């Protein structure tokens, strides 16, 4: 008589590389909020000494132990603090370079969409030396006219000023060295980003023309512009923005690049059952992702989100879960190393949390649901599980960012994700075929129709009594609780 042995699968643990990535990120934030902007180079010397000591301990005493997680996390936390301090001194060096160019002509490139202030417009701009094309730094550029947009390049003389001590930390966390004001615009120059800006402007103008003709509402047009070309200026001034906040959808439609992870993950689930090889399916999705980046002009926020989306595409395509989590840790370390300001970006935070939630909780949620129909599972169950998994890890931060807790957010996210995905695909096609004339306009009208249906659904759901409750959670206590949670989990591992 043979006995049956039941093997219980072990609960997948968070790999060491991901712990290192979280510690690296936490170290950058802790040194920023704890010590602020460093005054001299002494702190870098202290950090280098501590990193050397911890590395020696790691190599000599902890190498053969079973749980060296804490020492590794301490090492990467110190490295994160080191990266923050190096970034601060890099911005200080930008002050000297820019100050030497006061009232001199420089080359200016607009790096993000224009923000409308109460009295003037401003945008993040990168300054270059005209002769050498050497980057001099990033500034917040005051603009007196609306003829420039993301990707525009022109030459002008500038005057510079620097942030006050009490607000310096906030600007350093954004990578901004100071403020600049145009004194004279001398010569406009063309560039690939300038061509993309012109194409995006034509697409937005076509949407505005259709809205003015009565083909769609202003809310539908603003939503389509925000999702496809990243221009959310009109969206923030309309009622639809408040409605998506009430429904807990602001992280999908109102934060630059944050919708990419959820949209591309949903597309991965749908395309997974197409009878093609896994490499071809992954290639198609990565091509769509690259096309979107080309359309929006490679802003930093969308590039970061695209890295997270590519990781999700590959993980849904069949990569082992532990490998995907390790890759997430590597991506976090790489992005913060090369762009330290990402550590303080809301869009980067939501992208990472969405990816982490999908990788950690989606298999668990699917294991709770038994479904015999593979068709129903792929079209309904898996997308719902994916959306709820992403919601679990992003909800605390969206509450803090938008000061609302949506009681209807599980339902609204499950219903909205297919709509937003379909809207993005049709919108991308309309952007590509718009120069073709009739076909492009037809696709654009169809995209506006889908956007209109989405807006109507948002208006209906947001009218439900007690759909949301105002709730304010300060950022610092939230990050403190998050950090303490990581420490407790590390101690449990030991």
Protein backbone atom coordinates (compact mmCIF):
# COMPACT_ATOMS: atom_id res chain seq x y z
CA UNK A 1 0.00 0.00 0.00
CA UNK A 2 1.58 3.23 -1.12
CA UNK A 3 1.20 6.36 0.89
CA UNK A 4 0.47 9.64 -0.81
CA UNK A 5 2.83 12.46 0.06
CA UNK A 6 1.39 15.94 -0.25
CA UNK A 7 3.95 18.60 -1.07
CA UNK A 8 2.93 22.05 0.01
CA UNK A 9 4.31 24.86 -2.05
CA UNK A 10 6.33 27.35 -0.09
CA UNK A 11 5.11 30.91 -0.04
CA UNK A 12 7.26 32.89 -2.50
CA UNK A 13 9.47 35.27 -0.57
CA UNK A 14 10.73 38.70 -1.56
CA UNK A 15 14.20 38.19 -3.06
CA UNK A 16 17.29 39.86 -1.65
CA UNK A 17 17.74 42.11 -4.70
CA UNK A 18 14.31 43.67 -4.19
CA UNK A 19 15.08 44.30 -0.50
CA UNK A 20 18.26 46.03 -1.63
CA UNK A 21 16.29 48.17 -4.09
CA UNK A 22 13.77 49.20 -1.41
CA UNK A 23 16.61 50.00 1.00
CA UNK A 24 18.42 52.02 -1.66
CA UNK A 25 15.27 54.06 -2.28
CA UNK A 26 14.57 54.45 1.45
CA UNK A 27 18.15 55.57 2.11
CA UNK A 28 17.89 58.28 -0.53
CA UNK A 29 14.62 59.56 0.97
CA UNK A 30 15.77 59.31 4.60
CA UNK A 31 18.98 61.24 3.99
CA UNK A 32 17.00 63.85 2.05
CA UNK A 33 14.32 64.46 4.69
CA UNK A 34 16.60 63.76 7.64
CA UNK A 35 19.66 65.83 6.71
CA UNK A 36 18.28 68.05 3.94
CA UNK A 37 20.69 69.70 1.52
CA UNK A 38 24.30 69.10 2.69
CA UNK A 39 26.41 72.17 3.44
CA UNK A 40 29.85 70.69 2.74
CA UNK A 41 31.61 67.58 1.49
CA UNK A 42 32.20 66.14 4.97
CA UNK A 43 29.03 64.04 4.91
CA UNK A 44 30.11 62.36 1.67
CA UNK A 45 33.40 61.39 3.30
CA UNK A 46 31.54 59.97 6.30
CA UNK A 47 29.22 57.99 4.02
CA UNK A 48 32.14 56.59 2.02
CA UNK A 49 33.79 55.48 5.27
CA UNK A 50 30.57 53.81 6.51
CA UNK A 51 30.04 52.08 3.16
CA UNK A 52 33.60 50.74 3.29
CA UNK A 53 33.12 49.47 6.87
CA UNK A 54 29.81 47.76 6.08
CA UNK A 55 31.29 46.22 2.93
CA UNK A 56 34.19 44.76 4.93
CA UNK A 57 31.77 43.35 7.52
CA UNK A 58 29.67 41.92 4.71
CA UNK A 59 32.60 40.25 2.98
CA UNK A 60 34.44 38.98 6.06
CA UNK A 61 31.85 38.14 8.72
CA UNK A 62 28.44 37.81 7.08
CA UNK A 63 29.26 36.15 3.76
CA UNK A 64 28.66 32.61 4.99
CA UNK A 65 25.64 33.29 7.19
CA UNK A 66 22.13 32.29 6.15
CA UNK A 67 20.48 35.70 6.57
CA UNK A 68 22.77 38.56 5.53
CA UNK A 69 19.70 40.58 4.46
CA UNK A 70 20.01 43.26 7.13
CA UNK A 71 23.65 44.02 6.33
CA UNK A 72 22.94 44.18 2.60
CA UNK A 73 20.00 46.52 3.23
CA UNK A 74 22.16 48.72 5.45
CA UNK A 75 24.81 48.88 2.74
CA UNK A 76 22.33 49.84 0.01
CA UNK A 77 20.65 52.34 2.34
CA UNK A 78 23.99 54.10 2.78
CA UNK A 79 24.54 53.96 -0.98
CA UNK A 80 21.15 55.62 -1.48
CA UNK A 81 22.16 58.40 0.91
CA UNK A 82 25.44 58.75 -0.98
CA UNK A 83 23.57 59.16 -4.29
CA UNK A 84 21.37 61.89 -2.78
CA UNK A 85 24.36 63.86 -1.54
CA UNK A 86 26.15 63.55 -4.88
CA UNK A 87 23.00 64.86 -6.59
CA UNK A 88 22.93 67.87 -4.24
CA UNK A 89 26.53 68.78 -5.00
CA UNK A 90 25.85 68.31 -8.71
CA UNK A 91 23.05 70.88 -8.48
CA UNK A 92 25.36 73.22 -6.54
CA UNK A 93 27.81 72.91 -9.42
CA UNK A 94 24.99 73.84 -11.82
CA UNK A 95 24.60 77.09 -9.85
CA UNK A 96 28.18 78.04 -10.65
CA UNK A 97 27.84 77.13 -14.34
CA UNK A 98 24.56 79.01 -14.78
CA UNK A 99 25.77 82.03 -12.81
CA UNK A 100 28.68 82.38 -15.22
CA UNK A 101 26.13 82.67 -18.07
CA UNK A 102 24.01 85.48 -16.61
CA UNK A 103 22.43 87.52 -19.45
CA UNK A 104 24.28 85.44 -22.06
CA UNK A 105 22.62 83.56 -24.90
CA UNK A 106 22.15 79.86 -24.25
CA UNK A 107 20.29 77.00 -25.90
CA UNK A 108 17.04 76.11 -24.12
CA UNK A 109 15.07 72.88 -24.38
CA UNK A 110 11.63 72.51 -22.77
CA UNK A 111 11.65 69.12 -21.00
CA UNK A 112 8.02 68.91 -19.82
CA UNK A 113 4.62 70.33 -20.69
CA UNK A 114 3.92 73.94 -19.77
CA UNK A 115 2.30 74.53 -16.37
CA UNK A 116 -0.17 77.38 -16.06
CA UNK A 117 0.36 79.45 -12.90
CA UNK A 118 -1.77 82.26 -11.52
CA UNK A 119 0.28 85.02 -13.13
CA UNK A 120 2.50 83.30 -15.72
CA UNK A 121 3.42 79.99 -17.32
CA UNK A 122 6.46 77.96 -16.37
CA UNK A 123 8.13 74.73 -17.42
CA UNK A 124 11.11 72.54 -16.62
CA UNK A 125 13.88 73.46 -19.07
CA UNK A 126 17.40 72.19 -19.66
CA UNK A 127 20.05 74.80 -20.46
CA UNK A 128 22.94 74.11 -22.85
CA UNK A 129 26.03 76.05 -23.85
CA UNK A 130 25.55 77.22 -27.45
CA UNK A 131 29.09 76.41 -28.60
CA UNK A 132 29.87 73.15 -26.82
CA UNK A 133 26.30 71.82 -26.33
CA UNK A 134 27.32 71.01 -22.76
CA UNK A 135 24.41 70.76 -20.33
CA UNK A 136 24.53 73.55 -17.76
CA UNK A 137 21.60 72.41 -15.62
CA UNK A 138 17.83 72.34 -15.17
CA UNK A 139 15.75 75.39 -14.27
CA UNK A 140 12.14 76.39 -13.84
CA UNK A 141 11.66 78.71 -16.83
CA UNK A 142 9.11 81.53 -16.75
CA UNK A 143 7.36 81.90 -20.11
CA UNK A 144 5.31 84.90 -21.21
CA UNK A 145 3.82 83.29 -24.31
CA UNK A 146 2.14 80.00 -25.21
CA UNK A 147 3.95 79.36 -28.50
CA UNK A 148 6.38 76.91 -26.87
CA UNK A 149 5.66 73.40 -25.65
CA UNK A 150 7.40 70.21 -24.64
CA UNK A 151 10.41 69.53 -26.90
CA UNK A 152 10.75 73.12 -28.15
CA UNK A 153 14.31 74.38 -28.58
CA UNK A 154 15.33 78.02 -28.92
CA UNK A 155 18.11 80.42 -28.04
CA UNK A 156 17.75 83.27 -25.60
CA UNK A 157 19.57 85.27 -22.97
CA UNK A 158 18.46 84.42 -19.43
CA UNK A 159 18.67 85.83 -15.94
CA UNK A 160 18.88 83.34 -13.08
CA UNK A 161 17.86 83.31 -9.44
CA UNK A 162 18.16 80.61 -6.80
CA UNK A 163 15.60 79.16 -4.36
CA UNK A 164 15.53 80.38 -0.76
CA UNK A 165 16.96 78.16 1.96
CA UNK A 166 13.54 77.24 3.36
CA UNK A 167 12.35 75.84 0.00
CA UNK A 168 15.69 74.66 -1.41
CA UNK A 169 15.07 71.01 -0.46
CA UNK A 170 11.84 70.83 -2.47
CA UNK A 171 13.50 72.14 -5.62
CA UNK A 172 16.58 69.95 -5.19
CA UNK A 173 14.30 66.90 -4.94
CA UNK A 174 12.90 67.91 -8.34
CA UNK A 175 16.40 68.38 -9.77
CA UNK A 176 15.84 72.11 -10.31
CA UNK A 177 18.84 74.36 -9.75
CA UNK A 178 16.93 77.65 -9.84
CA UNK A 179 14.64 79.94 -11.80
CA UNK A 180 15.22 81.58 -15.17
CA UNK A 181 13.54 84.47 -16.97
CA UNK A 182 13.75 85.16 -20.70
CA UNK A 183 15.27 88.50 -21.62
CA UNK A 184 15.37 88.17 -25.41
CA UNK A 185 14.48 85.33 -27.75
CA UNK A 186 16.93 85.36 -30.62
CA UNK A 187 16.61 82.24 -32.75
CA UNK A 188 14.34 79.22 -32.86
CA UNK A 189 15.93 75.90 -33.77
CA UNK A 190 14.42 72.64 -34.92
CA UNK A 191 15.03 69.24 -33.35
CA UNK A 192 13.44 65.77 -33.29
CA UNK A 193 11.68 66.70 -30.05
CA UNK A 194 10.49 69.90 -31.70
CA UNK A 195 8.99 67.88 -34.57
CA UNK A 196 7.22 65.63 -32.05
CA UNK A 197 5.92 68.69 -30.21
CA UNK A 198 4.51 70.04 -33.48
CA UNK A 199 2.84 66.70 -34.27
CA UNK A 200 1.34 66.50 -30.79
CA UNK A 201 0.09 70.06 -31.13
CA UNK A 202 -1.63 69.21 -34.44
CA UNK A 203 -3.32 66.21 -32.81
CA UNK A 204 -4.53 68.34 -29.89
CA UNK A 205 -5.79 71.01 -32.29
CA UNK A 206 -7.75 68.39 -34.25
CA UNK A 207 -9.38 67.23 -31.01
CA UNK A 208 -10.24 70.83 -30.11
CA UNK A 209 -11.80 71.34 -33.57
CA UNK A 210 -14.01 68.26 -33.15
CA UNK A 211 -15.02 69.43 -29.67
CA UNK A 212 -15.91 72.88 -31.03
CA UNK A 213 -17.99 71.23 -33.77
CA UNK A 214 -20.00 69.40 -31.13
CA UNK A 215 -18.67 65.92 -31.94
CA UNK A 216 -17.61 65.41 -28.31
CA UNK A 217 -17.64 67.18 -24.97
CA UNK A 218 -14.68 69.14 -23.66
CA UNK A 219 -14.22 66.51 -20.92
CA UNK A 220 -13.87 63.71 -23.48
CA UNK A 221 -11.37 65.74 -25.51
CA UNK A 222 -9.29 66.69 -22.47
CA UNK A 223 -9.21 63.07 -21.27
CA UNK A 224 -8.04 61.82 -24.68
CA UNK A 225 -5.32 64.47 -24.85
CA UNK A 226 -4.13 63.57 -21.35
CA UNK A 227 -3.89 59.84 -22.08
CA UNK A 228 -2.42 59.96 -25.59
CA UNK A 229 -0.15 63.01 -25.78
CA UNK A 230 0.30 63.63 -22.05
CA UNK A 231 -1.23 67.13 -22.13
CA UNK A 232 -3.30 67.33 -18.94
CA UNK A 233 -3.63 71.13 -18.76
CA UNK A 234 -7.31 71.17 -19.72
CA UNK A 235 -8.09 68.03 -17.73
CA UNK A 236 -7.14 69.61 -14.40
CA UNK A 237 -9.54 72.53 -14.93
CA UNK A 238 -12.64 70.44 -15.74
CA UNK A 239 -15.15 68.58 -13.60
CA UNK A 240 -14.02 65.17 -14.87
CA UNK A 241 -10.80 65.53 -12.87
CA UNK A 242 -12.73 65.81 -9.61
CA UNK A 243 -14.91 62.86 -10.64
CA UNK A 244 -11.95 60.55 -11.29
CA UNK A 245 -10.51 61.58 -7.92
CA UNK A 246 -13.80 60.64 -6.25
CA UNK A 247 -13.68 57.24 -7.97
CA UNK A 248 -10.03 56.61 -7.10
CA UNK A 249 -8.97 56.71 -10.76
CA UNK A 250 -6.71 59.76 -10.63
CA UNK A 251 -3.59 57.57 -10.67
CA UNK A 252 -4.72 56.15 -14.03
CA UNK A 253 -5.73 59.31 -15.91
CA UNK A 254 -4.15 62.26 -14.08
CA UNK A 255 -0.57 61.28 -13.20
CA UNK A 256 1.97 61.38 -16.02
CA UNK A 257 2.92 57.85 -17.07
CA UNK A 258 1.33 56.11 -14.08
CA UNK A 259 -1.40 54.53 -16.23
CA UNK A 260 1.12 52.70 -18.41
CA UNK A 261 1.73 49.83 -15.97
CA UNK A 262 -1.95 48.95 -15.55
CA UNK A 263 -2.86 49.48 -19.21
CA UNK A 264 0.06 47.41 -20.55
CA UNK A 265 -0.52 44.66 -17.96
CA UNK A 266 -4.17 44.43 -19.01
CA UNK A 267 -3.12 44.26 -22.66
CA UNK A 268 -0.65 41.48 -21.79
CA UNK A 269 -3.43 39.39 -20.24
CA UNK A 270 -5.65 39.83 -23.30
CA UNK A 271 -2.96 39.12 -25.88
CA UNK A 272 -1.58 36.13 -23.98
CA UNK A 273 -4.20 33.78 -25.50
CA UNK A 274 -3.47 34.86 -29.07
CA UNK A 275 -1.97 31.89 -31.00
CA UNK A 276 1.50 33.39 -31.44
CA UNK A 277 4.85 32.62 -29.89
CA UNK A 278 5.59 34.33 -26.59
CA UNK A 279 8.49 36.27 -28.10
CA UNK A 280 6.29 37.73 -30.84
CA UNK A 281 3.60 38.72 -28.34
CA UNK A 282 6.14 40.38 -26.04
CA UNK A 283 7.66 42.12 -29.06
CA UNK A 284 4.26 43.49 -30.13
CA UNK A 285 3.60 44.90 -26.67
CA UNK A 286 7.06 46.42 -26.35
CA UNK A 287 6.59 48.00 -29.79
CA UNK A 288 3.31 49.58 -28.63
CA UNK A 289 5.06 50.84 -25.52
CA UNK A 290 7.91 52.30 -27.57
CA UNK A 291 5.43 53.93 -29.94
CA UNK A 292 3.71 55.64 -27.04
CA UNK A 293 7.05 56.96 -25.76
CA UNK A 294 7.81 58.38 -29.21
CA UNK A 295 4.42 60.10 -29.33
CA UNK A 296 4.75 61.77 -25.92
CA UNK A 297 8.39 62.69 -26.63
CA UNK A 298 10.26 60.65 -23.98
CA UNK A 299 9.54 62.73 -20.86
CA UNK A 300 11.37 61.38 -17.82
CA UNK A 301 8.15 60.44 -16.00
CA UNK A 302 6.93 58.26 -18.89
CA UNK A 303 10.36 56.68 -19.44
CA UNK A 304 10.37 55.55 -15.80
CA UNK A 305 6.84 54.18 -16.10
CA UNK A 306 7.76 52.45 -19.37
CA UNK A 307 10.56 50.56 -17.60
CA UNK A 308 8.04 49.27 -15.07
CA UNK A 309 5.57 48.41 -17.85
CA UNK A 310 8.21 46.49 -19.80
CA UNK A 311 8.98 44.49 -16.67
CA UNK A 312 5.28 43.67 -16.27
CA UNK A 313 5.00 42.64 -19.92
CA UNK A 314 7.91 40.23 -19.58
CA UNK A 315 6.64 38.84 -16.25
CA UNK A 316 3.12 38.19 -17.56
CA UNK A 317 4.74 36.63 -20.63
CA UNK A 318 6.17 33.81 -18.55
CA UNK A 319 9.23 34.91 -16.56
CA UNK A 320 9.50 33.36 -13.10
CA UNK A 321 7.98 35.44 -10.33
CA UNK A 322 11.17 35.56 -8.26
CA UNK A 323 13.15 36.70 -11.29
CA UNK A 324 10.59 39.44 -11.99
CA UNK A 325 10.80 40.69 -8.39
CA UNK A 326 14.60 40.70 -8.56
CA UNK A 327 14.43 42.59 -11.85
CA UNK A 328 12.15 45.15 -10.18
CA UNK A 329 14.82 45.74 -7.53
CA UNK A 330 17.50 46.18 -10.21
CA UNK A 331 15.32 48.64 -12.17
CA UNK A 332 14.63 50.70 -9.02
CA UNK A 333 18.35 50.92 -8.19
CA UNK A 334 19.30 51.78 -11.78
CA UNK A 335 16.67 54.51 -12.23
CA UNK A 336 17.39 56.22 -8.91
CA UNK A 337 21.15 56.02 -9.55
CA UNK A 338 20.91 57.76 -12.93
CA UNK A 339 17.93 60.00 -12.05
CA UNK A 340 18.04 60.54 -8.25
CA UNK A 341 15.01 62.86 -8.37
CA UNK A 342 12.91 59.78 -9.24
CA UNK A 343 13.03 58.82 -5.56
CA UNK A 344 10.64 61.73 -4.83
CA UNK A 345 8.37 61.37 -7.88
CA UNK A 346 4.71 60.41 -7.41
CA UNK A 347 4.48 58.84 -10.87
CA UNK A 348 7.55 56.66 -10.19
CA UNK A 349 6.15 55.65 -6.80
CA UNK A 350 2.80 54.63 -8.29
CA UNK A 351 4.47 52.77 -11.16
CA UNK A 352 6.70 50.76 -8.81
CA UNK A 353 3.85 50.04 -6.39
CA UNK A 354 1.55 48.92 -9.23
CA UNK A 355 4.22 46.56 -10.54
CA UNK A 356 4.98 45.23 -7.07
CA UNK A 357 1.29 44.67 -6.33
CA UNK A 358 0.73 42.79 -9.58
CA UNK A 359 3.77 40.56 -9.03
CA UNK A 360 3.03 39.84 -5.36
CA UNK A 361 -0.75 39.65 -5.03
CA UNK A 362 -2.16 38.75 -8.44
CA UNK A 363 -1.22 35.02 -8.14
CA UNK A 364 -2.70 34.98 -4.63
CA UNK A 365 -5.98 36.53 -5.76
CA UNK A 366 -6.22 34.12 -8.69
CA UNK A 367 -5.71 31.15 -6.35
CA UNK A 368 -8.82 32.19 -4.41
CA UNK A 369 -11.03 32.13 -7.51
CA UNK A 370 -11.92 28.85 -9.20
CA UNK A 371 -13.05 29.19 -12.80
CA UNK A 372 -13.54 26.32 -15.25
CA UNK A 373 -13.90 28.50 -18.35
CA UNK A 374 -10.51 29.61 -19.66
CA UNK A 375 -12.19 32.24 -21.85
CA UNK A 376 -14.01 33.84 -18.90
CA UNK A 377 -10.88 33.60 -16.78
CA UNK A 378 -8.67 35.39 -19.32
CA UNK A 379 -11.18 38.14 -20.12
CA UNK A 380 -12.73 38.79 -16.70
CA UNK A 381 -11.08 37.03 -13.75
CA UNK A 382 -7.42 37.77 -14.52
CA UNK A 383 -7.96 41.46 -15.43
CA UNK A 384 -9.99 41.97 -12.24
CA UNK A 385 -7.31 40.26 -10.14
CA UNK A 386 -4.61 42.34 -11.81
CA UNK A 387 -6.47 45.60 -11.18
CA UNK A 388 -7.18 44.80 -7.53
CA UNK A 389 -3.58 43.66 -6.96
CA UNK A 390 -2.26 46.97 -8.28
CA UNK A 391 -4.82 48.82 -6.16
CA UNK A 392 -3.66 47.16 -2.92
CA UNK A 393 -0.20 48.72 -3.06
CA UNK A 394 -1.10 52.10 -4.59
CA UNK A 395 -4.15 52.98 -2.46
CA UNK A 396 -2.30 54.46 0.58
CA UNK A 397 -0.26 56.77 -1.63
CA UNK A 398 -3.19 57.90 -3.79
CA UNK A 399 -5.08 58.76 -0.60
CA UNK A 400 -2.13 60.86 0.57
CA UNK A 401 -1.69 62.54 -2.83
CA UNK A 402 -5.34 63.39 -3.51
CA UNK A 403 -6.70 63.68 0.09
CA UNK A 404 -9.62 61.37 -0.68
CA UNK A 405 -10.43 57.75 0.08
CA UNK A 406 -12.78 56.31 -2.50
CA UNK A 407 -15.16 53.70 -1.10
CA UNK A 408 -16.15 52.68 -4.61
CA UNK A 409 -12.60 52.38 -5.94
CA UNK A 410 -12.48 48.53 -6.30
CA UNK A 411 -15.54 48.59 -8.58
CA UNK A 412 -14.50 51.70 -10.50
CA UNK A 413 -10.96 50.42 -11.14
CA UNK A 414 -12.19 47.05 -12.40
CA UNK A 415 -14.65 48.76 -14.77
CA UNK A 416 -12.29 51.54 -15.87
CA UNK A 417 -9.21 49.49 -16.75
CA UNK A 418 -10.67 47.86 -19.91
CA UNK A 419 -12.05 51.23 -21.03
CA UNK A 420 -8.76 53.05 -20.53
CA UNK A 421 -6.81 50.27 -22.27
CA UNK A 422 -9.12 50.27 -25.29
CA UNK A 423 -9.12 54.08 -25.36
CA UNK A 424 -5.31 54.18 -25.37
CA UNK A 425 -5.06 51.67 -28.24
CA UNK A 426 -7.65 53.46 -30.40
CA UNK A 427 -6.11 56.82 -29.52
CA UNK A 428 -2.64 55.67 -30.58
CA UNK A 429 -4.03 54.41 -33.89
CA UNK A 430 -5.81 57.72 -34.48
CA UNK A 431 -2.55 59.59 -33.81
CA UNK A 432 -0.65 57.41 -36.30
CA UNK A 433 -3.25 57.62 -39.08
CA UNK A 434 -4.28 61.25 -38.56
CA UNK A 435 -2.03 62.46 -41.46
CA UNK A 436 -3.86 59.97 -43.73
CA UNK A 437 -6.98 62.11 -43.67
CA UNK A 438 -10.36 60.36 -43.52
CA UNK A 439 -9.18 57.18 -41.74
CA UNK A 440 -7.35 59.14 -39.05
CA UNK A 441 -10.31 61.44 -38.41
CA UNK A 442 -12.66 58.44 -38.26
CA UNK A 443 -10.44 56.72 -35.67
CA UNK A 444 -10.19 59.96 -33.71
CA UNK A 445 -13.98 60.34 -33.64
CA UNK A 446 -14.28 56.74 -32.44
CA UNK A 447 -11.68 57.39 -29.72
CA UNK A 448 -13.64 60.48 -28.63
CA UNK A 449 -16.80 58.35 -28.48
CA UNK A 450 -15.07 55.85 -26.17
CA UNK A 451 -13.75 58.74 -24.09
CA UNK A 452 -17.28 60.19 -23.92
CA UNK A 453 -18.65 56.87 -22.64
CA UNK A 454 -15.91 56.77 -20.02
CA UNK A 455 -16.77 60.30 -18.85
CA UNK A 456 -20.49 59.43 -18.66
CA UNK A 457 -19.67 56.36 -16.57
CA UNK A 458 -17.49 58.44 -14.25
CA UNK A 459 -20.28 61.01 -13.80
CA UNK A 460 -22.77 58.25 -13.00
CA UNK A 461 -20.56 56.42 -10.47
CA UNK A 462 -19.30 59.60 -8.80
CA UNK A 463 -22.92 60.57 -8.08
CA UNK A 464 -23.35 57.50 -5.85
CA UNK A 465 -23.83 58.68 -2.23
CA UNK A 466 -20.69 58.35 -0.09
CA UNK A 467 -18.61 57.31 -3.09
CA UNK A 468 -15.63 58.98 -1.40
CA UNK A 469 -14.69 60.43 1.96
CA UNK A 470 -12.20 63.29 2.47
CA UNK A 471 -9.11 62.01 4.25
CA UNK A 472 -5.74 63.68 4.65
CA UNK A 473 -2.63 61.59 5.34
CA UNK A 474 0.62 63.61 5.55
CA UNK A 475 3.40 62.24 3.38
CA UNK A 476 6.09 62.04 6.06
CA UNK A 477 4.11 59.83 8.53
CA UNK A 478 3.05 57.62 5.62
CA UNK A 479 6.65 57.06 4.50
CA UNK A 480 7.68 56.57 8.15
CA UNK A 481 5.10 53.80 8.59
CA UNK A 482 6.23 52.26 5.29
CA UNK A 483 9.88 52.32 6.41
CA UNK A 484 9.07 50.82 9.84
CA UNK A 485 7.09 48.09 8.10
CA UNK A 486 10.17 47.20 6.05
CA UNK A 487 12.31 47.09 9.22
CA UNK A 488 9.82 44.80 10.99
CA UNK A 489 9.73 42.44 8.00
CA UNK A 490 13.53 42.33 7.91
CA UNK A 491 13.65 41.49 11.62
CA UNK A 492 11.10 38.72 11.03
CA UNK A 493 13.33 37.30 8.30
CA UNK A 494 16.17 37.04 10.82
